[in-house]
Protein backbone atom coordinates (compact mmCIF):
# COMPACT_ATOMS: atom_id res chain seq x y z
CA MET A 1 -9.51 15.27 -8.30
CA MET A 2 -11.08 12.74 -10.61
CA MET A 3 -10.65 9.06 -9.85
CA ALA A 4 -8.99 8.56 -13.24
CA ASP A 5 -6.00 10.59 -11.99
CA PHE A 6 -5.06 7.80 -9.58
CA THR A 7 -2.71 5.10 -10.88
CA LEU A 8 -1.96 1.83 -9.11
CA GLU A 9 0.99 -0.27 -10.19
CA PHE A 10 0.97 -3.87 -8.96
CA ARG A 11 4.28 -5.76 -9.21
CA ASN A 12 4.11 -9.51 -8.77
CA GLU A 13 7.69 -10.68 -8.36
CA VAL A 14 6.60 -14.07 -7.03
CA GLY A 15 4.61 -15.65 -9.81
CA LEU A 16 1.39 -15.81 -7.81
CA PRO A 17 -1.54 -17.63 -9.40
CA ALA A 18 -3.74 -15.30 -11.47
CA GLY A 19 -6.66 -15.59 -9.04
CA VAL A 20 -4.56 -14.63 -6.03
CA LYS A 21 -2.96 -11.76 -7.91
CA ALA A 22 -6.39 -10.48 -9.00
CA GLN A 23 -7.69 -10.73 -5.42
CA MET A 24 -4.68 -8.86 -4.05
CA SER A 25 -4.82 -6.18 -6.74
CA SER A 26 -8.54 -5.67 -6.14
CA GLU A 27 -8.04 -5.42 -2.35
CA ALA A 28 -5.23 -2.90 -2.76
CA GLU A 29 -7.16 -0.77 -5.23
CA ARG A 30 -10.33 -0.79 -3.11
CA ARG A 31 -8.54 0.24 0.09
CA LEU A 32 -6.30 2.84 -1.56
CA ARG A 33 -9.21 4.42 -3.44
CA ALA A 34 -11.06 4.70 -0.12
CA LEU A 35 -8.21 6.96 1.06
CA LEU A 36 -8.87 9.23 -1.94
CA GLU A 37 -12.43 10.12 -0.98
CA GLY A 38 -12.61 13.84 -0.33
CA HIS A 39 -8.87 14.40 -0.82
CA THR A 40 -6.59 15.47 -3.65
CA ASP A 41 -3.21 14.69 -2.09
CA ILE A 42 -2.75 11.12 -3.43
CA VAL A 43 -1.75 10.75 -7.07
CA GLY A 44 -0.81 7.07 -7.23
CA ALA A 45 0.45 3.98 -5.50
CA GLU A 46 2.70 0.99 -6.06
CA VAL A 47 2.41 -2.49 -4.56
CA ALA A 48 5.29 -4.96 -4.86
CA VAL A 49 5.02 -8.60 -3.77
CA GLU A 50 8.19 -10.61 -3.17
CA GLU A 51 8.76 -14.10 -1.83
CA LEU A 52 11.53 -14.37 0.74
CA THR A 53 13.11 -17.75 0.23
CA GLY A 54 15.96 -19.35 2.03
CA ASP A 55 16.81 -21.60 4.94
CA THR A 56 15.88 -19.03 7.57
CA THR A 57 12.65 -17.75 5.98
CA PRO A 58 10.78 -20.52 4.20
CA HIS A 59 7.36 -19.53 2.84
CA MET A 60 7.54 -15.87 3.81
CA TYR A 61 6.27 -13.03 1.67
CA GLU A 62 7.12 -9.36 1.77
CA VAL A 63 4.78 -6.70 0.43
CA ARG A 64 5.82 -3.08 -0.06
CA VAL A 65 3.17 -0.42 -0.54
CA VAL A 66 4.12 3.11 -1.55
CA VAL A 67 1.48 5.85 -1.68
CA TYR A 68 2.56 8.82 -3.76
CA MET A 69 1.23 11.87 -1.92
CA ARG A 70 1.83 15.56 -2.09
CA PRO A 71 4.09 16.80 -0.58
CA GLU A 72 5.54 13.54 0.87
CA SER A 73 5.11 9.90 -0.08
CA VAL A 74 4.22 7.25 2.49
CA PHE A 75 5.33 3.61 2.48
CA ALA A 76 5.07 0.42 4.50
CA VAL A 77 6.67 -3.02 4.34
CA GLU A 78 5.12 -6.10 5.90
CA LYS A 79 6.24 -9.73 6.07
CA ALA A 80 3.87 -12.66 6.59
CA GLU A 81 3.44 -16.34 5.80
CA THR A 82 0.91 -15.53 3.08
CA ALA A 83 1.10 -12.87 0.39
CA ILE A 84 -2.43 -11.71 1.18
CA GLY A 85 -1.61 -11.40 4.89
CA ALA A 86 1.45 -9.30 4.12
CA LEU A 87 -0.61 -7.11 1.76
CA LYS A 88 -3.30 -6.49 4.37
CA GLY A 89 -0.70 -5.61 7.00
CA SER A 90 1.14 -3.16 4.76
CA LEU A 91 -2.13 -1.54 3.59
CA SER A 92 -3.22 -1.07 7.21
CA ALA A 93 0.10 0.58 8.04
CA VAL A 94 -0.11 2.91 5.02
CA GLU A 95 -3.71 3.84 5.82
CA ARG A 96 -2.71 4.71 9.39
CA GLN A 97 0.25 6.81 8.20
CA VAL A 98 -1.86 8.72 5.65
CA ARG A 99 -4.51 9.53 8.28
CA GLN A 100 -1.88 10.62 10.81
CA TYR A 101 -0.20 12.83 8.20
CA ARG A 102 -3.51 14.44 7.26
CA ASP A 103 -4.32 15.02 10.93
CA ARG A 104 -0.96 16.76 11.41
CA LEU A 105 -1.65 19.01 8.41
CA GLY A 106 -4.96 19.96 9.98
CA GLU A 107 -3.14 21.08 13.15
CA PRO A 108 -0.52 23.58 11.92
CA TRP A 109 0.74 24.33 15.43
CA LYS A 110 2.06 20.73 15.64
CA GLN A 111 3.91 20.73 12.30
CA PRO A 112 7.70 20.40 12.47
């Protein structure tokens, strides 16, 4: 699979400053492309950043990361006080899930 086949969509529903958005987009792309190395199962990903506002959750951000894989997609949602913190948490969770899924595929006797 060529790297050009991978598409990353970054949705900024918060109105983050351009520098923060660029930093987050770069971090997401770098870490998700690292998952591609040596594999052809990932075709794209989507990152959505949302600010949770209200009396009970002031200054909280939620980041959703979806990795479009074959045959099943993987996703994670993380909440944190900073958008970057939520992004890093959700990327770590997705990375863990992708590795676990690949490990299961490598052990056919454990597949459901």
